[in-house]
Amino acid sequence: DVHPREVFRPLVRAGVAAAVCVHNHPSGDPTPSEPDLALTQRLRAG
């Protein structure tokens, strides 16, 4: 569970130009889930 404010807080402080989000799938399958895709869209909008 990741909230956009936690994602962007360190980025704003560092004054970055852009961001790459990264997470692991312990199952071994890297296929994105629907929640992964939805979170990506939320983070892009933010």
ModelCIF file with pLDDT and N, C-alpha, C, O atoms, coordinates in Angstrom:
data_MODEL
#
_entry.id   MODEL 
#
_entity.id                         1 
_entity.type                       polymer 
_entity.pdbx_number_of_molecules   1 
#
_entity_poly.entity_id                      1 
_entity_poly.type                           'polypeptide(L)' 
_entity_poly.nstd_linkage                   no 
_entity_poly.nstd_monomer                   no 
_entity_poly.pdbx_seq_one_letter_code       DVHPREVFRPLVRAGVAAAVCVHNHPSGDPTPSEPDLALTQRLRAG 
_entity_poly.pdbx_seq_one_letter_code_can   DVHPREVFRPLVRAGVAAAVCVHNHPSGDPTPSEPDLALTQRLRAG 
_entity_poly.pdbx_strand_id                 A 
#
loop_
_entity_poly_seq.entity_id 
_entity_poly_seq.num 
_entity_poly_seq.mon_id 
_entity_poly_seq.hetero 
1 1  ASP n 
1 2  VAL n 
1 3  HIS n 
1 4  PRO n 
1 5  ARG n 
1 6  GLU n 
1 7  VAL n 
1 8  PHE n 
1 9  ARG n 
1 10 PRO n 
1 11 LEU n 
1 12 VAL n 
1 13 ARG n 
1 14 ALA n 
1 15 GLY n 
1 16 VAL n 
1 17 ALA n 
1 18 ALA n 
1 19 ALA n 
1 20 VAL n 
1 21 CYS n 
1 22 VAL n 
1 23 HIS n 
1 24 ASN n 
1 25 HIS n 
1 26 PRO n 
1 27 SER n 
1 28 GLY n 
1 29 ASP n 
1 30 PRO n 
1 31 THR n 
1 32 PRO n 
1 33 SER n 
1 34 GLU n 
1 35 PRO n 
1 36 ASP n 
1 37 LEU n 
1 38 ALA n 
1 39 LEU n 
1 40 THR n 
1 41 GLN n 
1 42 ARG n 
1 43 LEU n 
1 44 ARG n 
1 45 ALA n 
1 46 GLY n 
#
_struct_asym.id          A 
_struct_asym.entity_id   1 
#
loop_
_ma_qa_metric.id 
_ma_qa_metric.mode 
_ma_qa_metric.name 
_ma_qa_metric.software_group_id 
_ma_qa_metric.type 
1 global pLDDT . pLDDT 
2 local  pLDDT . pLDDT 
#
_ma_qa_metric_global.metric_id      1 
_ma_qa_metric_global.metric_value   95.41 
_ma_qa_metric_global.model_id       1 
_ma_qa_metric_global.ordinal_id     1 
#
loop_
_ma_qa_metric_local.label_asym_id 
_ma_qa_metric_local.label_comp_id 
_ma_qa_metric_local.label_seq_id 
_ma_qa_metric_local.metric_id 
_ma_qa_metric_local.metric_value 
_ma_qa_metric_local.model_id 
_ma_qa_metric_local.ordinal_id 
A ASP 1  2 87.00 1 1  
A VAL 2  2 93.00 1 2  
A HIS 3  2 92.00 1 3  
A PRO 4  2 94.00 1 4  
A ARG 5  2 94.00 1 5  
A GLU 6  2 95.00 1 6  
A VAL 7  2 96.00 1 7  
A PHE 8  2 97.00 1 8  
A ARG 9  2 96.00 1 9  
A PRO 10 2 96.00 1 10 
A LEU 11 2 97.00 1 11 
A VAL 12 2 96.00 1 12 
A ARG 13 2 94.00 1 13 
A ALA 14 2 95.00 1 14 
A GLY 15 2 95.00 1 15 
A VAL 16 2 97.00 1 16 
A ALA 17 2 97.00 1 17 
A ALA 18 2 98.00 1 18 
A ALA 19 2 98.00 1 19 
A VAL 20 2 98.00 1 20 
A CYS 21 2 98.00 1 21 
A VAL 22 2 98.00 1 22 
A HIS 23 2 97.00 1 23 
A ASN 24 2 97.00 1 24 
A HIS 25 2 96.00 1 25 
A PRO 26 2 94.00 1 26 
A SER 27 2 93.00 1 27 
A GLY 28 2 94.00 1 28 
A ASP 29 2 96.00 1 29 
A PRO 30 2 96.00 1 30 
A THR 31 2 96.00 1 31 
A PRO 32 2 96.00 1 32 
A SER 33 2 94.00 1 33 
A GLU 34 2 94.00 1 34 
A PRO 35 2 94.00 1 35 
A ASP 36 2 95.00 1 36 
A LEU 37 2 94.00 1 37 
A ALA 38 2 94.00 1 38 
A LEU 39 2 95.00 1 39 
A THR 40 2 96.00 1 40 
A GLN 41 2 95.00 1 41 
A ARG 42 2 96.00 1 42 
A LEU 43 2 97.00 1 43 
A ARG 44 2 97.00 1 44 
A ALA 45 2 96.00 1 45 
A GLY 46 2 96.00 1 46 
#
loop_
_atom_site.group_PDB 
_atom_site.id 
_atom_site.type_symbol 
_atom_site.label_atom_id 
_atom_site.label_alt_id 
_atom_site.label_comp_id 
_atom_site.label_asym_id 
_atom_site.label_entity_id 
_atom_site.label_seq_id 
_atom_site.pdbx_PDB_ins_code 
_atom_site.Cartn_x 
_atom_site.Cartn_y 
_atom_site.Cartn_z 
_atom_site.occupancy 
_atom_site.B_iso_or_equiv 
_atom_site.pdbx_formal_charge 
_atom_site.auth_seq_id 
_atom_site.auth_comp_id 
_atom_site.auth_asym_id 
_atom_site.auth_atom_id 
_atom_site.pdbx_PDB_model_num 
ATOM 1   N N  . ASP A 1 1  ? 0.853  -1.182  0.000   1.00 87.00 ? 1  ASP A N  1 
ATOM 2   C CA . ASP A 1 1  ? 0.000  0.000   0.000   1.00 87.00 ? 1  ASP A CA 1 
ATOM 3   C C  . ASP A 1 1  ? 0.890  1.233   0.000   1.00 87.00 ? 1  ASP A C  1 
ATOM 4   O O  . ASP A 1 1  ? 1.639  1.471   0.948   1.00 87.00 ? 1  ASP A O  1 
ATOM 5   N N  . VAL A 1 2  ? 0.802  2.013   -1.071  1.00 93.00 ? 2  VAL A N  1 
ATOM 6   C CA . VAL A 1 2  ? 1.634  3.201   -1.210  1.00 93.00 ? 2  VAL A CA 1 
ATOM 7   C C  . VAL A 1 2  ? 0.734  4.396   -1.494  1.00 93.00 ? 2  VAL A C  1 
ATOM 8   O O  . VAL A 1 2  ? -0.136 4.340   -2.363  1.00 93.00 ? 2  VAL A O  1 
ATOM 9   N N  . HIS A 1 3  ? 0.954  5.468   -0.757  1.00 92.00 ? 3  HIS A N  1 
ATOM 10  C CA . HIS A 1 3  ? 0.197  6.694   -0.984  1.00 92.00 ? 3  HIS A CA 1 
ATOM 11  C C  . HIS A 1 3  ? 1.083  7.673   -1.750  1.00 92.00 ? 3  HIS A C  1 
ATOM 12  O O  . HIS A 1 3  ? 2.277  7.767   -1.469  1.00 92.00 ? 3  HIS A O  1 
ATOM 13  N N  . PRO A 1 4  ? 0.520  8.403   -2.712  1.00 94.00 ? 4  PRO A N  1 
ATOM 14  C CA . PRO A 1 4  ? 1.331  9.352   -3.481  1.00 94.00 ? 4  PRO A CA 1 
ATOM 15  C C  . PRO A 1 4  ? 2.137  10.326  -2.630  1.00 94.00 ? 4  PRO A C  1 
ATOM 16  O O  . PRO A 1 4  ? 3.238  10.709  -3.027  1.00 94.00 ? 4  PRO A O  1 
ATOM 17  N N  . ARG A 1 5  ? 1.629  10.738  -1.479  1.00 94.00 ? 5  ARG A N  1 
ATOM 18  C CA . ARG A 1 5  ? 2.391  11.714  -0.678  1.00 94.00 ? 5  ARG A CA 1 
ATOM 19  C C  . ARG A 1 5  ? 3.711  11.126  -0.205  1.00 94.00 ? 5  ARG A C  1 
ATOM 20  O O  . ARG A 1 5  ? 4.710  11.841  -0.135  1.00 94.00 ? 5  ARG A O  1 
ATOM 21  N N  . GLU A 1 6  ? 3.737  9.795   0.131   1.00 95.00 ? 6  GLU A N  1 
ATOM 22  C CA . GLU A 1 6  ? 4.993  9.163   0.537   1.00 95.00 ? 6  GLU A CA 1 
ATOM 23  C C  . GLU A 1 6  ? 5.948  9.037   -0.644  1.00 95.00 ? 6  GLU A C  1 
ATOM 24  O O  . GLU A 1 6  ? 7.165  9.124   -0.479  1.00 95.00 ? 6  GLU A O  1 
ATOM 25  N N  . VAL A 1 7  ? 5.395  8.832   -1.828  1.00 96.00 ? 7  VAL A N  1 
ATOM 26  C CA . VAL A 1 7  ? 6.224  8.691   -3.016  1.00 96.00 ? 7  VAL A CA 1 
ATOM 27  C C  . VAL A 1 7  ? 6.876  10.024  -3.380  1.00 96.00 ? 7  VAL A C  1 
ATOM 28  O O  . VAL A 1 7  ? 8.066  10.072  -3.689  1.00 96.00 ? 7  VAL A O  1 
ATOM 29  N N  . PHE A 1 8  ? 6.096  11.103  -3.342  1.00 97.00 ? 8  PHE A N  1 
ATOM 30  C CA . PHE A 1 8  ? 6.609  12.389  -3.828  1.00 97.00 ? 8  PHE A CA 1 
ATOM 31  C C  . PHE A 1 8  ? 7.362  13.200  -2.785  1.00 97.00 ? 8  PHE A C  1 
ATOM 32  O O  . PHE A 1 8  ? 8.118  14.102  -3.145  1.00 97.00 ? 8  PHE A O  1 
ATOM 33  N N  . ARG A 1 9  ? 7.177  12.905  -1.503  1.00 96.00 ? 9  ARG A N  1 
ATOM 34  C CA . ARG A 1 9  ? 7.862  13.699  -0.466  1.00 96.00 ? 9  ARG A CA 1 
ATOM 35  C C  . ARG A 1 9  ? 9.380  13.731  -0.668  1.00 96.00 ? 9  ARG A C  1 
ATOM 36  O O  . ARG A 1 9  ? 9.953  14.820  -0.716  1.00 96.00 ? 9  ARG A O  1 
ATOM 37  N N  . PRO A 1 10 ? 10.060 12.569  -0.788  1.00 96.00 ? 10 PRO A N  1 
ATOM 38  C CA . PRO A 1 10 ? 11.518 12.646  -0.974  1.00 96.00 ? 10 PRO A CA 1 
ATOM 39  C C  . PRO A 1 10 ? 11.921 13.256  -2.313  1.00 96.00 ? 10 PRO A C  1 
ATOM 40  O O  . PRO A 1 10 ? 12.995 13.845  -2.430  1.00 96.00 ? 10 PRO A O  1 
ATOM 41  N N  . LEU A 1 11 ? 11.063 13.116  -3.323  1.00 97.00 ? 11 LEU A N  1 
ATOM 42  C CA . LEU A 1 11 ? 11.375 13.661  -4.646  1.00 97.00 ? 11 LEU A CA 1 
ATOM 43  C C  . LEU A 1 11 ? 11.334 15.180  -4.641  1.00 97.00 ? 11 LEU A C  1 
ATOM 44  O O  . LEU A 1 11 ? 12.187 15.834  -5.240  1.00 97.00 ? 11 LEU A O  1 
ATOM 45  N N  . VAL A 1 12 ? 10.338 15.738  -3.962  1.00 96.00 ? 12 VAL A N  1 
ATOM 46  C CA . VAL A 1 12 ? 10.218 17.194  -3.865  1.00 96.00 ? 12 VAL A CA 1 
ATOM 47  C C  . VAL A 1 12 ? 11.412 17.755  -3.105  1.00 96.00 ? 12 VAL A C  1 
ATOM 48  O O  . VAL A 1 12 ? 12.011 18.747  -3.521  1.00 96.00 ? 12 VAL A O  1 
ATOM 49  N N  . ARG A 1 13 ? 11.757 17.114  -1.986  1.00 94.00 ? 13 ARG A N  1 
ATOM 50  C CA . ARG A 1 13 ? 12.897 17.586  -1.186  1.00 94.00 ? 13 ARG A CA 1 
ATOM 51  C C  . ARG A 1 13 ? 14.195 17.577  -1.973  1.00 94.00 ? 13 ARG A C  1 
ATOM 52  O O  . ARG A 1 13 ? 15.030 18.467  -1.810  1.00 94.00 ? 13 ARG A O  1 
ATOM 53  N N  . ALA A 1 14 ? 14.371 16.566  -2.833  1.00 95.00 ? 14 ALA A N  1 
ATOM 54  C CA . ALA A 1 14 ? 15.614 16.449  -3.591  1.00 95.00 ? 14 ALA A CA 1 
ATOM 55  C C  . ALA A 1 14 ? 15.632 17.316  -4.848  1.00 95.00 ? 14 ALA A C  1 
ATOM 56  O O  . ALA A 1 14 ? 16.685 17.488  -5.462  1.00 95.00 ? 14 ALA A O  1 
ATOM 57  N N  . GLY A 1 15 ? 14.474 17.866  -5.240  1.00 95.00 ? 15 GLY A N  1 
ATOM 58  C CA . GLY A 1 15 ? 14.420 18.708  -6.424  1.00 95.00 ? 15 GLY A CA 1 
ATOM 59  C C  . GLY A 1 15 ? 14.689 17.959  -7.716  1.00 95.00 ? 15 GLY A C  1 
ATOM 60  O O  . GLY A 1 15 ? 15.408 18.452  -8.585  1.00 95.00 ? 15 GLY A O  1 
ATOM 61  N N  . VAL A 1 16 ? 14.115 16.770  -7.846  1.00 97.00 ? 16 VAL A N  1 
ATOM 62  C CA . VAL A 1 16 ? 14.373 15.931  -9.023  1.00 97.00 ? 16 VAL A CA 1 
ATOM 63  C C  . VAL A 1 16 ? 13.600 16.426  -10.236 1.00 97.00 ? 16 VAL A C  1 
ATOM 64  O O  . VAL A 1 16 ? 12.631 17.174  -10.108 1.00 97.00 ? 16 VAL A O  1 
ATOM 65  N N  . ALA A 1 17 ? 14.041 15.999  -11.415 1.00 97.00 ? 17 ALA A N  1 
ATOM 66  C CA . ALA A 1 17 ? 13.359 16.344  -12.662 1.00 97.00 ? 17 ALA A CA 1 
ATOM 67  C C  . ALA A 1 17 ? 12.273 15.338  -13.017 1.00 97.00 ? 17 ALA A C  1 
ATOM 68  O O  . ALA A 1 17 ? 11.277 15.698  -13.644 1.00 97.00 ? 17 ALA A O  1 
ATOM 69  N N  . ALA A 1 18 ? 12.454 14.089  -12.624 1.00 98.00 ? 18 ALA A N  1 
ATOM 70  C CA . ALA A 1 18 ? 11.500 13.029  -12.956 1.00 98.00 ? 18 ALA A CA 1 
ATOM 71  C C  . ALA A 1 18 ? 11.700 11.870  -11.990 1.00 98.00 ? 18 ALA A C  1 
ATOM 72  O O  . ALA A 1 18 ? 12.638 11.860  -11.193 1.00 98.00 ? 18 ALA A O  1 
ATOM 73  N N  . ALA A 1 19 ? 10.799 10.892  -12.075 1.00 98.00 ? 19 ALA A N  1 
ATOM 74  C CA . ALA A 1 19 ? 10.841 9.763   -11.146 1.00 98.00 ? 19 ALA A CA 1 
ATOM 75  C C  . ALA A 1 19 ? 10.592 8.446   -11.858 1.00 98.00 ? 19 ALA A C  1 
ATOM 76  O O  . ALA A 1 19 ? 9.910  8.382   -12.881 1.00 98.00 ? 19 ALA A O  1 
ATOM 77  N N  . VAL A 1 20 ? 11.168 7.395   -11.283 1.00 98.00 ? 20 VAL A N  1 
ATOM 78  C CA . VAL A 1 20 ? 10.897 6.019   -11.689 1.00 98.00 ? 20 VAL A CA 1 
ATOM 79  C C  . VAL A 1 20 ? 10.466 5.284   -10.424 1.00 98.00 ? 20 VAL A C  1 
ATOM 80  O O  . VAL A 1 20 ? 11.185 5.282   -9.425  1.00 98.00 ? 20 VAL A O  1 
ATOM 81  N N  . CYS A 1 21 ? 9.300  4.667   -10.471 1.00 98.00 ? 21 CYS A N  1 
ATOM 82  C CA . CYS A 1 21 ? 8.816  3.870   -9.339  1.00 98.00 ? 21 CYS A CA 1 
ATOM 83  C C  . CYS A 1 21 ? 9.200  2.417   -9.586  1.00 98.00 ? 21 CYS A C  1 
ATOM 84  O O  . CYS A 1 21 ? 9.257  1.964   -10.729 1.00 98.00 ? 21 CYS A O  1 
ATOM 85  N N  . VAL A 1 22 ? 9.461  1.699   -8.509  1.00 98.00 ? 22 VAL A N  1 
ATOM 86  C CA . VAL A 1 22 ? 9.939  0.319   -8.623  1.00 98.00 ? 22 VAL A CA 1 
ATOM 87  C C  . VAL A 1 22 ? 9.356  -0.493  -7.480  1.00 98.00 ? 22 VAL A C  1 
ATOM 88  O O  . VAL A 1 22 ? 9.357  -0.045  -6.333  1.00 98.00 ? 22 VAL A O  1 
ATOM 89  N N  . HIS A 1 23 ? 8.853  -1.694  -7.786  1.00 97.00 ? 23 HIS A N  1 
ATOM 90  C CA . HIS A 1 23 ? 8.540  -2.627  -6.714  1.00 97.00 ? 23 HIS A CA 1 
ATOM 91  C C  . HIS A 1 23 ? 8.740  -4.055  -7.200  1.00 97.00 ? 23 HIS A C  1 
ATOM 92  O O  . HIS A 1 23 ? 8.841  -4.318  -8.399  1.00 97.00 ? 23 HIS A O  1 
ATOM 93  N N  . ASN A 1 24 ? 8.796  -4.969  -6.235  1.00 97.00 ? 24 ASN A N  1 
ATOM 94  C CA . ASN A 1 24 ? 9.060  -6.374  -6.535  1.00 97.00 ? 24 ASN A CA 1 
ATOM 95  C C  . ASN A 1 24 ? 7.776  -7.191  -6.463  1.00 97.00 ? 24 ASN A C  1 
ATOM 96  O O  . ASN A 1 24 ? 6.805  -6.793  -5.819  1.00 97.00 ? 24 ASN A O  1 
ATOM 97  N N  . HIS A 1 25 ? 7.786  -8.331  -7.128  1.00 96.00 ? 25 HIS A N  1 
ATOM 98  C CA . HIS A 1 25 ? 6.723  -9.330  -7.025  1.00 96.00 ? 25 HIS A CA 1 
ATOM 99  C C  . HIS A 1 25 ? 7.345  -10.616 -6.479  1.00 96.00 ? 25 HIS A C  1 
ATOM 100 O O  . HIS A 1 25 ? 8.001  -11.342 -7.226  1.00 96.00 ? 25 HIS A O  1 
ATOM 101 N N  . PRO A 1 26 ? 7.151  -10.911 -5.188  1.00 94.00 ? 26 PRO A N  1 
ATOM 102 C CA . PRO A 1 26 ? 7.728  -12.132 -4.612  1.00 94.00 ? 26 PRO A CA 1 
ATOM 103 C C  . PRO A 1 26 ? 7.251  -13.422 -5.278  1.00 94.00 ? 26 PRO A C  1 
ATOM 104 O O  . PRO A 1 26 ? 7.904  -14.459 -5.155  1.00 94.00 ? 26 PRO A O  1 
ATOM 105 N N  . SER A 1 27 ? 6.126  -13.367 -5.979  1.00 93.00 ? 27 SER A N  1 
ATOM 106 C CA . SER A 1 27 ? 5.608  -14.556 -6.661  1.00 93.00 ? 27 SER A CA 1 
ATOM 107 C C  . SER A 1 27 ? 6.542  -15.040 -7.762  1.00 93.00 ? 27 SER A C  1 
ATOM 108 O O  . SER A 1 27 ? 6.475  -16.199 -8.170  1.00 93.00 ? 27 SER A O  1 
ATOM 109 N N  . GLY A 1 28 ? 7.415  -14.153 -8.248  1.00 94.00 ? 28 GLY A N  1 
ATOM 110 C CA . GLY A 1 28 ? 8.302  -14.498 -9.348  1.00 94.00 ? 28 GLY A CA 1 
ATOM 111 C C  . GLY A 1 28 ? 7.782  -14.064 -10.699 1.00 94.00 ? 28 GLY A C  1 
ATOM 112 O O  . GLY A 1 28 ? 8.526  -14.094 -11.680 1.00 94.00 ? 28 GLY A O  1 
ATOM 113 N N  . ASP A 1 29 ? 6.511  -13.657 -10.780 1.00 96.00 ? 29 ASP A N  1 
ATOM 114 C CA . ASP A 1 29 ? 5.890  -13.230 -12.035 1.00 96.00 ? 29 ASP A CA 1 
ATOM 115 C C  . ASP A 1 29 ? 5.857  -11.705 -12.080 1.00 96.00 ? 29 ASP A C  1 
ATOM 116 O O  . ASP A 1 29 ? 5.206  -11.083 -11.241 1.00 96.00 ? 29 ASP A O  1 
ATOM 117 N N  . PRO A 1 30 ? 6.548  -11.090 -13.044 1.00 96.00 ? 30 PRO A N  1 
ATOM 118 C CA . PRO A 1 30 ? 6.595  -9.630  -13.095 1.00 96.00 ? 30 PRO A CA 1 
ATOM 119 C C  . PRO A 1 30 ? 5.389  -8.974  -13.771 1.00 96.00 ? 30 PRO A C  1 
ATOM 120 O O  . PRO A 1 30 ? 5.355  -7.753  -13.919 1.00 96.00 ? 30 PRO A O  1 
ATOM 121 N N  . THR A 1 31 ? 4.406  -9.768  -14.179 1.00 96.00 ? 31 THR A N  1 
ATOM 122 C CA . THR A 1 31 ? 3.247  -9.208  -14.869 1.00 96.00 ? 31 THR A CA 1 
ATOM 123 C C  . THR A 1 31 ? 2.506  -8.221  -13.966 1.00 96.00 ? 31 THR A C  1 
ATOM 124 O O  . THR A 1 31 ? 2.184  -8.559  -12.827 1.00 96.00 ? 31 THR A O  1 
ATOM 125 N N  . PRO A 1 32 ? 2.231  -7.007  -14.452 1.00 96.00 ? 32 PRO A N  1 
ATOM 126 C CA . PRO A 1 32 ? 1.534  -6.030  -13.613 1.00 96.00 ? 32 PRO A CA 1 
ATOM 127 C C  . PRO A 1 32 ? 0.090  -6.448  -13.340 1.00 96.00 ? 32 PRO A C  1 
ATOM 128 O O  . PRO A 1 32 ? -0.609 -6.953  -14.219 1.00 96.00 ? 32 PRO A O  1 
ATOM 129 N N  . SER A 1 33 ? -0.328 -6.224  -12.111 1.00 94.00 ? 33 SER A N  1 
ATOM 130 C CA . SER A 1 33 ? -1.717 -6.488  -11.731 1.00 94.00 ? 33 SER A CA 1 
ATOM 131 C C  . SER A 1 33 ? -2.555 -5.247  -12.033 1.00 94.00 ? 33 SER A C  1 
ATOM 132 O O  . SER A 1 33 ? -2.010 -4.182  -12.320 1.00 94.00 ? 33 SER A O  1 
ATOM 133 N N  . GLU A 1 34 ? -3.862 -5.382  -11.967 1.00 94.00 ? 34 GLU A N  1 
ATOM 134 C CA . GLU A 1 34 ? -4.739 -4.213  -12.145 1.00 94.00 ? 34 GLU A CA 1 
ATOM 135 C C  . GLU A 1 34 ? -4.427 -3.136  -11.112 1.00 94.00 ? 34 GLU A C  1 
ATOM 136 O O  . GLU A 1 34 ? -4.358 -1.961  -11.471 1.00 94.00 ? 34 GLU A O  1 
ATOM 137 N N  . PRO A 1 35 ? -4.233 -3.501  -9.813  1.00 94.00 ? 35 PRO A N  1 
ATOM 138 C CA . PRO A 1 35 ? -3.843 -2.458  -8.853  1.00 94.00 ? 35 PRO A CA 1 
ATOM 139 C C  . PRO A 1 35 ? -2.511 -1.782  -9.196  1.00 94.00 ? 35 PRO A C  1 
ATOM 140 O O  . PRO A 1 35 ? -2.350 -0.587  -8.950  1.00 94.00 ? 35 PRO A O  1 
ATOM 141 N N  . ASP A 1 36 ? -1.555 -2.530  -9.763  1.00 95.00 ? 36 ASP A N  1 
ATOM 142 C CA . ASP A 1 36 ? -0.283 -1.932  -10.189 1.00 95.00 ? 36 ASP A CA 1 
ATOM 143 C C  . ASP A 1 36 ? -0.522 -0.880  -11.270 1.00 95.00 ? 36 ASP A C  1 
ATOM 144 O O  . ASP A 1 36 ? 0.049  0.210   -11.228 1.00 95.00 ? 36 ASP A O  1 
ATOM 145 N N  . LEU A 1 37 ? -1.373 -1.220  -12.236 1.00 94.00 ? 37 LEU A N  1 
ATOM 146 C CA . LEU A 1 37 ? -1.664 -0.295  -13.328 1.00 94.00 ? 37 LEU A CA 1 
ATOM 147 C C  . LEU A 1 37 ? -2.416 0.932   -12.821 1.00 94.00 ? 37 LEU A C  1 
ATOM 148 O O  . LEU A 1 37 ? -2.135 2.056   -13.239 1.00 94.00 ? 37 LEU A O  1 
ATOM 149 N N  . ALA A 1 38 ? -3.375 0.711   -11.916 1.00 94.00 ? 38 ALA A N  1 
ATOM 150 C CA . ALA A 1 38 ? -4.141 1.830   -11.363 1.00 94.00 ? 38 ALA A CA 1 
ATOM 151 C C  . ALA A 1 38 ? -3.240 2.756   -10.546 1.00 94.00 ? 38 ALA A C  1 
ATOM 152 O O  . ALA A 1 38 ? -3.356 3.978   -10.640 1.00 94.00 ? 38 ALA A O  1 
ATOM 153 N N  . LEU A 1 39 ? -2.341 2.175   -9.744  1.00 95.00 ? 39 LEU A N  1 
ATOM 154 C CA . LEU A 1 39 ? -1.407 2.987   -8.957  1.00 95.00 ? 39 LEU A CA 1 
ATOM 155 C C  . LEU A 1 39 ? -0.496 3.797   -9.879  1.00 95.00 ? 39 LEU A C  1 
ATOM 156 O O  . LEU A 1 39 ? -0.210 4.963   -9.607  1.00 95.00 ? 39 LEU A O  1 
ATOM 157 N N  . THR A 1 40 ? -0.050 3.188   -10.951 1.00 96.00 ? 40 THR A N  1 
ATOM 158 C CA . THR A 1 40 ? 0.800  3.897   -11.900 1.00 96.00 ? 40 THR A CA 1 
ATOM 159 C C  . THR A 1 40 ? 0.083  5.122   -12.454 1.00 96.00 ? 40 THR A C  1 
ATOM 160 O O  . THR A 1 40 ? 0.672  6.198   -12.558 1.00 96.00 ? 40 THR A O  1 
ATOM 161 N N  . GLN A 1 41 ? -1.186 4.959   -12.807 1.00 95.00 ? 41 GLN A N  1 
ATOM 162 C CA . GLN A 1 41 ? -1.961 6.090   -13.339 1.00 95.00 ? 41 GLN A CA 1 
ATOM 163 C C  . GLN A 1 41 ? -2.124 7.181   -12.283 1.00 95.00 ? 41 GLN A C  1 
ATOM 164 O O  . GLN A 1 41 ? -2.019 8.366   -12.597 1.00 95.00 ? 41 GLN A O  1 
ATOM 165 N N  . ARG A 1 42 ? -2.380 6.788   -11.029 1.00 96.00 ? 42 ARG A N  1 
ATOM 166 C CA . ARG A 1 42 ? -2.506 7.774   -9.948  1.00 96.00 ? 42 ARG A CA 1 
ATOM 167 C C  . ARG A 1 42 ? -1.204 8.531   -9.743  1.00 96.00 ? 42 ARG A C  1 
ATOM 168 O O  . ARG A 1 42 ? -1.212 9.750   -9.573  1.00 96.00 ? 42 ARG A O  1 
ATOM 169 N N  . LEU A 1 43 ? -0.090 7.817   -9.760  1.00 97.00 ? 43 LEU A N  1 
ATOM 170 C CA . LEU A 1 43 ? 1.200  8.461   -9.558  1.00 97.00 ? 43 LEU A CA 1 
ATOM 171 C C  . LEU A 1 43 ? 1.561  9.365   -10.732 1.00 97.00 ? 43 LEU A C  1 
ATOM 172 O O  . LEU A 1 43 ? 2.148  10.429  -10.541 1.00 97.00 ? 43 LEU A O  1 
ATOM 173 N N  . ARG A 1 44 ? 1.217  8.949   -11.927 1.00 97.00 ? 44 ARG A N  1 
ATOM 174 C CA . ARG A 1 44 ? 1.464  9.811   -13.091 1.00 97.00 ? 44 ARG A CA 1 
ATOM 175 C C  . ARG A 1 44 ? 0.668  11.113  -12.978 1.00 97.00 ? 44 ARG A C  1 
ATOM 176 O O  . ARG A 1 44 ? 1.181  12.194  -13.264 1.00 97.00 ? 44 ARG A O  1 
ATOM 177 N N  . ALA A 1 45 ? -0.591 10.992  -12.558 1.00 96.00 ? 45 ALA A N  1 
ATOM 178 C CA . ALA A 1 45 ? -1.431 12.189  -12.398 1.00 96.00 ? 45 ALA A CA 1 
ATOM 179 C C  . ALA A 1 45 ? -0.857 13.110  -11.321 1.00 96.00 ? 45 ALA A C  1 
ATOM 180 O O  . ALA A 1 45 ? -0.806 14.327  -11.500 1.00 96.00 ? 45 ALA A O  1 
ATOM 181 N N  . GLY A 1 46 ? -0.423 12.522  -10.198 1.00 96.00 ? 46 GLY A N  1 
ATOM 182 C CA . GLY A 1 46 ? 0.190  13.319  -9.142  1.00 96.00 ? 46 GLY A CA 1 
ATOM 183 C C  . GLY A 1 46 ? 1.467  13.980  -9.592  1.00 96.00 ? 46 GLY A C  1 
ATOM 184 O O  . GLY A 1 46 ? 2.104  14.688  -8.812  1.00 96.00 ? 46 GLY A O  1 
#
